[in-house]
Amino acid sequence: MNMLRVWPIFCQFGVGALLCLVGIWGGLRGGYLNLKITEDRRLLVILVAGYLFMLAIVCVFTFLSPGWASGEPL
């Protein structure tokens, strides 16, 4: 595996995840987010799902799509 492709993803999404966790922690601790409220739980699910979806899209275009130009199958 070419680590020159892995490290940017790791840095972007790793640091992004840490900052998101700090924000969620601050929101829970400060009272802005309450897990007993349905809308707040839905917001957290949307944040996590969006993060994982963007990570999957980036991984597809980083690791699979370079092979598509040379005719490699999925």
C-alpha atoms as a PDB file:
ATOM      1  CA  MET A   1       0.000   0.000   0.000  1.00  0.00           C
ATOM      2  CA  ASN A   2       1.322   3.391  -0.984  1.00  0.00           C
ATOM      3  CA  MET A   3       1.562   5.383   2.243  1.00  0.00           C
ATOM      4  CA  LEU A   4       1.764   8.630   0.271  1.00  0.00           C
ATOM      5  CA  ARG A   5      -1.941   8.096  -0.405  1.00  0.00           C
ATOM      6  CA  VAL A   6      -2.815   6.985   3.114  1.00  0.00           C
ATOM      7  CA  TRP A   7      -1.208   9.732   5.210  1.00  0.00           C
ATOM      8  CA  PRO A   8      -3.253  12.664   3.818  1.00  0.00           C
ATOM      9  CA  ILE A   9      -6.488  10.752   4.460  1.00  0.00           C
ATOM     10  CA  PHE A  10      -5.305   9.785   7.924  1.00  0.00           C
ATOM     11  CA  CYS A  11      -4.340  13.363   8.767  1.00  0.00           C
ATOM     12  CA  GLN A  12      -7.479  14.987   7.371  1.00  0.00           C
ATOM     13  CA  PHE A  13      -9.989  12.565   8.789  1.00  0.00           C
ATOM     14  CA  GLY A  14      -8.059  11.808  11.972  1.00  0.00           C
ATOM     15  CA  VAL A  15      -7.683  15.450  12.947  1.00  0.00           C
ATOM     16  CA  GLY A  16     -11.248  16.114  11.775  1.00  0.00           C
ATOM     17  CA  ALA A  17     -12.560  13.304  13.973  1.00  0.00           C
ATOM     18  CA  LEU A  18     -10.657  14.615  16.990  1.00  0.00           C
ATOM     19  CA  LEU A  19     -11.998  18.137  16.472  1.00  0.00           C
ATOM     20  CA  CYS A  20     -15.520  16.804  15.996  1.00  0.00           C
ATOM     21  CA  LEU A  21     -15.272  14.757  19.181  1.00  0.00           C
ATOM     22  CA  VAL A  22     -14.018  17.783  21.099  1.00  0.00           C
ATOM     23  CA  GLY A  23     -16.963  19.799  19.763  1.00  0.00           C
ATOM     24  CA  ILE A  24     -19.470  17.100  20.666  1.00  0.00           C
ATOM     25  CA  TRP A  25     -17.926  16.709  24.116  1.00  0.00           C
ATOM     26  CA  GLY A  26     -18.095  20.457  24.645  1.00  0.00           C
ATOM     27  CA  GLY A  27     -21.705  20.522  23.486  1.00  0.00           C
ATOM     28  CA  LEU A  28     -22.691  17.711  25.814  1.00  0.00           C
ATOM     29  CA  ARG A  29     -20.793  19.153  28.745  1.00  0.00           C
ATOM     30  CA  GLY A  30     -22.037  22.692  28.159  1.00  0.00           C
ATOM     31  CA  GLY A  31     -25.648  21.638  27.829  1.00  0.00           C
ATOM     32  CA  TYR A  32     -26.071  22.585  24.171  1.00  0.00           C
ATOM     33  CA  LEU A  33     -26.542  18.926  23.240  1.00  0.00           C
ATOM     34  CA  ASN A  34     -28.742  16.596  25.251  1.00  0.00           C
ATOM     35  CA  LEU A  35     -28.921  12.921  24.334  1.00  0.00           C
ATOM     36  CA  LYS A  36     -32.384  12.694  25.862  1.00  0.00           C
ATOM     37  CA  ILE A  37     -33.738  14.966  23.109  1.00  0.00           C
ATOM     38  CA  THR A  38     -34.581  13.223  19.829  1.00  0.00           C
ATOM     39  CA  GLU A  39     -33.370  16.083  17.619  1.00  0.00           C
ATOM     40  CA  ASP A  40     -29.956  16.115  19.293  1.00  0.00           C
ATOM     41  CA  ARG A  41     -29.562  12.351  18.904  1.00  0.00           C
ATOM     42  CA  ARG A  42     -30.552  12.668  15.236  1.00  0.00           C
ATOM     43  CA  LEU A  43     -27.960  15.425  14.775  1.00  0.00           C
ATOM     44  CA  LEU A  44     -25.218  13.229  16.190  1.00  0.00           C
ATOM     45  CA  VAL A  45     -26.260  10.326  13.936  1.00  0.00           C
ATOM     46  CA  ILE A  46     -26.180  12.639  10.911  1.00  0.00           C
ATOM     47  CA  LEU A  47     -22.715  13.908  11.866  1.00  0.00           C
ATOM     48  CA  VAL A  48     -21.304  10.395  12.271  1.00  0.00           C
ATOM     49  CA  ALA A  49     -22.985   9.074   9.118  1.00  0.00           C
ATOM     50  CA  GLY A  50     -21.778  12.055   7.085  1.00  0.00           C
ATOM     51  CA  TYR A  51     -18.237  11.595   8.377  1.00  0.00           C
ATOM     52  CA  LEU A  52     -18.224   7.898   7.456  1.00  0.00           C
ATOM     53  CA  PHE A  53     -19.809   8.586   4.056  1.00  0.00           C
ATOM     54  CA  MET A  54     -17.176  11.210   3.204  1.00  0.00           C
ATOM     55  CA  LEU A  55     -14.416   8.865   4.377  1.00  0.00           C
ATOM     56  CA  ALA A  56     -15.773   6.104   2.140  1.00  0.00           C
ATOM     57  CA  ILE A  57     -16.005   8.440  -0.885  1.00  0.00           C
ATOM     58  CA  VAL A  58     -12.436   9.656  -0.378  1.00  0.00           C
ATOM     59  CA  CYS A  59     -11.159   6.086  -0.035  1.00  0.00           C
ATOM     60  CA  VAL A  60     -12.952   4.994  -3.213  1.00  0.00           C
ATOM     61  CA  PHE A  61     -11.482   7.817  -5.258  1.00  0.00           C
ATOM     62  CA  THR A  62      -8.039   7.425  -3.693  1.00  0.00           C
ATOM     63  CA  PHE A  63      -7.606   3.670  -3.944  1.00  0.00           C
ATOM     64  CA  LEU A  64     -10.011   2.367  -6.601  1.00  0.00           C
ATOM     65  CA  SER A  65     -10.354   5.052  -9.236  1.00  0.00           C
ATOM     66  CA  PRO A  66      -6.661   5.244 -10.250  1.00  0.00           C
ATOM     67  CA  GLY A  67      -7.000   1.668 -11.490  1.00  0.00           C
ATOM     68  CA  TRP A  68     -10.100   2.486 -13.532  1.00  0.00           C
ATOM     69  CA  ALA A  69      -8.080   4.577 -15.965  1.00  0.00           C
ATOM     70  CA  SER A  70      -5.962   1.556 -16.883  1.00  0.00           C
ATOM     71  CA  GLY A  71      -9.005  -0.682 -17.257  1.00  0.00           C
ATOM     72  CA  GLU A  72      -8.745  -2.641 -14.021  1.00  0.00           C
ATOM     73  CA  PRO A  73     -12.053  -4.126 -12.784  1.00  0.00           C
ATOM     74  CA  LEU A  74     -13.525  -3.320  -9.392  1.00  0.00           C
END
